[in-house]
């Protein structure tokens, strides 16, 4: 069906979105798709070093959440 790379990217996107949703829950914030995308965008804008695979997954997750 899908390649191992596509499956790995999907898994990473789900992990990232899940982490954001759980963090939002901890702070009592309702996890709406646009807010999740904004949190991922803010994380991308920070100076933190991230593996290229994670950056790509974050960008794809944002794109998916905004459509």
N, C-alpha and C. Protein backbone atom coordinates (compact mmCIF):
# COMPACT_ATOMS: atom_id res chain seq x y z
N UNK A 1 0.81 -1.18 0.00
CA UNK A 1 0.00 0.00 0.00
C UNK A 1 0.87 1.27 0.00
N UNK A 2 1.38 1.63 1.17
CA UNK A 2 2.21 2.82 1.28
C UNK A 2 3.65 2.39 1.55
N UNK A 3 4.57 3.28 1.28
CA UNK A 3 5.98 2.97 1.54
C UNK A 3 6.29 3.09 3.03
N UNK A 4 7.41 2.53 3.43
CA UNK A 4 7.83 2.63 4.83
C UNK A 4 8.07 4.08 5.21
N UNK A 5 8.59 4.88 4.28
CA UNK A 5 8.82 6.30 4.55
C UNK A 5 7.52 7.04 4.80
N UNK A 6 6.50 6.74 4.00
CA UNK A 6 5.20 7.38 4.17
C UNK A 6 4.57 6.98 5.51
N UNK A 7 4.69 5.71 5.85
CA UNK A 7 4.17 5.24 7.14
C UNK A 7 4.90 5.89 8.30
N UNK A 8 6.21 6.02 8.19
CA UNK A 8 7.00 6.66 9.25
C UNK A 8 6.62 8.13 9.39
N UNK A 9 6.39 8.81 8.26
CA UNK A 9 6.00 10.22 8.30
C UNK A 9 4.64 10.37 8.97
N UNK A 10 3.70 9.51 8.61
CA UNK A 10 2.37 9.55 9.21
C UNK A 10 2.45 9.31 10.72
N UNK A 11 3.25 8.32 11.12
CA UNK A 11 3.42 8.04 12.54
C UNK A 11 4.00 9.24 13.28
N UNK A 12 4.97 9.91 12.68
CA UNK A 12 5.59 11.08 13.32
C UNK A 12 4.59 12.24 13.41
N UNK A 13 3.80 12.45 12.36
CA UNK A 13 2.78 13.50 12.39
C UNK A 13 1.78 13.23 13.52
N UNK A 14 1.35 11.98 13.64
CA UNK A 14 0.40 11.62 14.70
C UNK A 14 1.01 11.81 16.08
N UNK A 15 2.29 11.47 16.22
CA UNK A 15 2.97 11.64 17.50
C UNK A 15 3.05 13.12 17.87
N UNK A 16 3.42 13.95 16.91
CA UNK A 16 3.53 15.39 17.17
C UNK A 16 2.18 16.00 17.54
N UNK A 17 1.16 15.68 16.78
CA UNK A 17 -0.17 16.22 17.06
C UNK A 17 -0.66 15.72 18.41
N UNK A 18 -0.43 14.44 18.70
CA UNK A 18 -0.82 13.89 20.00
C UNK A 18 -0.13 14.60 21.15
N UNK A 19 1.17 14.88 21.00
CA UNK A 19 1.90 15.60 22.05
C UNK A 19 1.30 16.98 22.30
N UNK A 20 0.95 17.67 21.20
CA UNK A 20 0.35 19.01 21.34
C UNK A 20 -1.01 18.91 22.03
N UNK A 21 -1.83 17.95 21.63
CA UNK A 21 -3.16 17.80 22.22
C UNK A 21 -3.05 17.50 23.72
N UNK A 22 -2.14 16.63 24.11
CA UNK A 22 -1.97 16.31 25.53
C UNK A 22 -1.46 17.52 26.32
N UNK A 23 -0.57 18.28 25.73
CA UNK A 23 -0.07 19.50 26.39
C UNK A 23 -1.21 20.50 26.55
N UNK A 24 -2.01 20.67 25.52
CA UNK A 24 -3.14 21.59 25.60
C UNK A 24 -4.11 21.13 26.70
N UNK A 25 -4.35 19.84 26.78
CA UNK A 25 -5.24 19.30 27.82
C UNK A 25 -4.70 19.64 29.21
N UNK A 26 -3.39 19.48 29.38
CA UNK A 26 -2.76 19.78 30.67
C UNK A 26 -2.98 21.24 31.08
N UNK A 27 -3.06 22.13 30.11
CA UNK A 27 -3.25 23.55 30.38
C UNK A 27 -4.72 23.98 30.30
N UNK A 28 -5.61 23.02 30.08
CA UNK A 28 -7.03 23.33 30.04
C UNK A 28 -7.47 24.04 28.77
N UNK A 29 -6.73 23.84 27.69
CA UNK A 29 -7.05 24.48 26.41
C UNK A 29 -7.76 23.46 25.52
N UNK A 30 -8.88 23.88 24.93
CA UNK A 30 -9.60 22.98 24.03
C UNK A 30 -8.78 22.78 22.75
N UNK A 31 -8.53 21.53 22.37
CA UNK A 31 -7.69 21.26 21.21
C UNK A 31 -8.44 21.40 19.88
N UNK A 32 -8.46 22.59 19.36
CA UNK A 32 -9.05 22.84 18.04
C UNK A 32 -7.94 22.76 17.00
N UNK A 33 -8.29 22.34 15.80
CA UNK A 33 -7.27 22.10 14.78
C UNK A 33 -6.43 23.33 14.47
N UNK A 34 -7.02 24.49 14.43
CA UNK A 34 -6.26 25.70 14.11
C UNK A 34 -5.29 26.06 15.24
N UNK A 35 -5.68 25.81 16.47
CA UNK A 35 -4.80 26.08 17.61
C UNK A 35 -3.63 25.09 17.62
N UNK A 36 -3.91 23.84 17.29
CA UNK A 36 -2.84 22.85 17.21
C UNK A 36 -1.84 23.25 16.13
N UNK A 37 -2.34 23.67 14.98
CA UNK A 37 -1.47 24.12 13.89
C UNK A 37 -0.64 25.32 14.33
N UNK A 38 -1.25 26.26 15.04
CA UNK A 38 -0.52 27.44 15.54
C UNK A 38 0.58 27.05 16.52
N UNK A 39 0.29 26.08 17.38
CA UNK A 39 1.31 25.64 18.34
C UNK A 39 2.48 24.97 17.62
N UNK A 40 2.19 24.18 16.60
CA UNK A 40 3.26 23.56 15.82
C UNK A 40 4.06 24.62 15.07
N UNK A 41 3.36 25.62 14.52
CA UNK A 41 4.04 26.70 13.80
C UNK A 41 4.95 27.49 14.74
N UNK A 42 4.47 27.74 15.96
CA UNK A 42 5.28 28.45 16.95
C UNK A 42 6.51 27.63 17.31
N UNK A 43 6.34 26.33 17.48
CA UNK A 43 7.48 25.47 17.79
C UNK A 43 8.50 25.49 16.65
N UNK A 44 8.02 25.49 15.42
CA UNK A 44 8.94 25.55 14.27
C UNK A 44 9.71 26.87 14.23
N UNK A 45 9.08 27.93 14.67
CA UNK A 45 9.72 29.25 14.63
C UNK A 45 10.81 29.41 15.69
N UNK A 46 10.81 28.54 16.69
CA UNK A 46 11.83 28.64 17.75
C UNK A 46 13.19 28.22 17.20
N UNK A 47 14.21 28.53 17.97
CA UNK A 47 15.58 28.24 17.55
C UNK A 47 16.03 26.82 17.88
N UNK A 48 15.13 25.99 18.38
CA UNK A 48 15.49 24.63 18.77
C UNK A 48 15.94 23.82 17.56
N UNK A 49 16.97 23.03 17.77
CA UNK A 49 17.46 22.14 16.70
C UNK A 49 16.56 20.91 16.65
N UNK A 50 16.12 20.57 15.44
CA UNK A 50 15.27 19.41 15.25
C UNK A 50 15.78 18.62 14.05
N UNK A 51 15.61 17.31 14.10
CA UNK A 51 15.96 16.52 12.92
C UNK A 51 15.11 16.95 11.71
N UNK A 52 15.68 16.87 10.54
CA UNK A 52 14.97 17.27 9.32
C UNK A 52 13.66 16.52 9.15
N UNK A 53 13.65 15.25 9.52
CA UNK A 53 12.44 14.43 9.42
C UNK A 53 11.32 15.02 10.29
N UNK A 54 11.66 15.48 11.50
CA UNK A 54 10.67 16.07 12.40
C UNK A 54 10.15 17.39 11.84
N UNK A 55 11.04 18.20 11.29
CA UNK A 55 10.62 19.48 10.70
C UNK A 55 9.65 19.23 9.55
N UNK A 56 9.97 18.27 8.71
CA UNK A 56 9.08 17.93 7.59
C UNK A 56 7.73 17.45 8.10
N UNK A 57 7.74 16.60 9.13
CA UNK A 57 6.49 16.10 9.70
C UNK A 57 5.67 17.24 10.30
N UNK A 58 6.33 18.18 10.96
CA UNK A 58 5.62 19.32 11.54
C UNK A 58 4.97 20.16 10.44
N UNK A 59 5.70 20.41 9.38
CA UNK A 59 5.15 21.20 8.27
C UNK A 59 3.96 20.50 7.62
N UNK A 60 4.07 19.19 7.42
CA UNK A 60 2.97 18.43 6.84
C UNK A 60 1.75 18.39 7.78
N UNK A 61 2.02 18.27 9.07
CA UNK A 61 0.92 18.27 10.04
C UNK A 61 0.18 19.61 10.01
N UNK A 62 0.94 20.69 9.95
CA UNK A 62 0.32 22.03 9.88
C UNK A 62 -0.53 22.14 8.62
N UNK A 63 0.02 21.73 7.50
CA UNK A 63 -0.71 21.80 6.23
C UNK A 63 -1.99 20.97 6.30
N UNK A 64 -1.89 19.78 6.86
CA UNK A 64 -3.06 18.90 6.98
C UNK A 64 -4.12 19.51 7.88
N UNK A 65 -3.71 20.08 9.00
CA UNK A 65 -4.65 20.66 9.94
C UNK A 65 -5.35 21.91 9.38
N UNK A 66 -4.68 22.60 8.49
CA UNK A 66 -5.24 23.85 7.94
C UNK A 66 -6.13 23.62 6.73
N UNK A 67 -6.21 22.40 6.23
CA UNK A 67 -7.06 22.15 5.05
C UNK A 67 -8.37 21.51 5.44
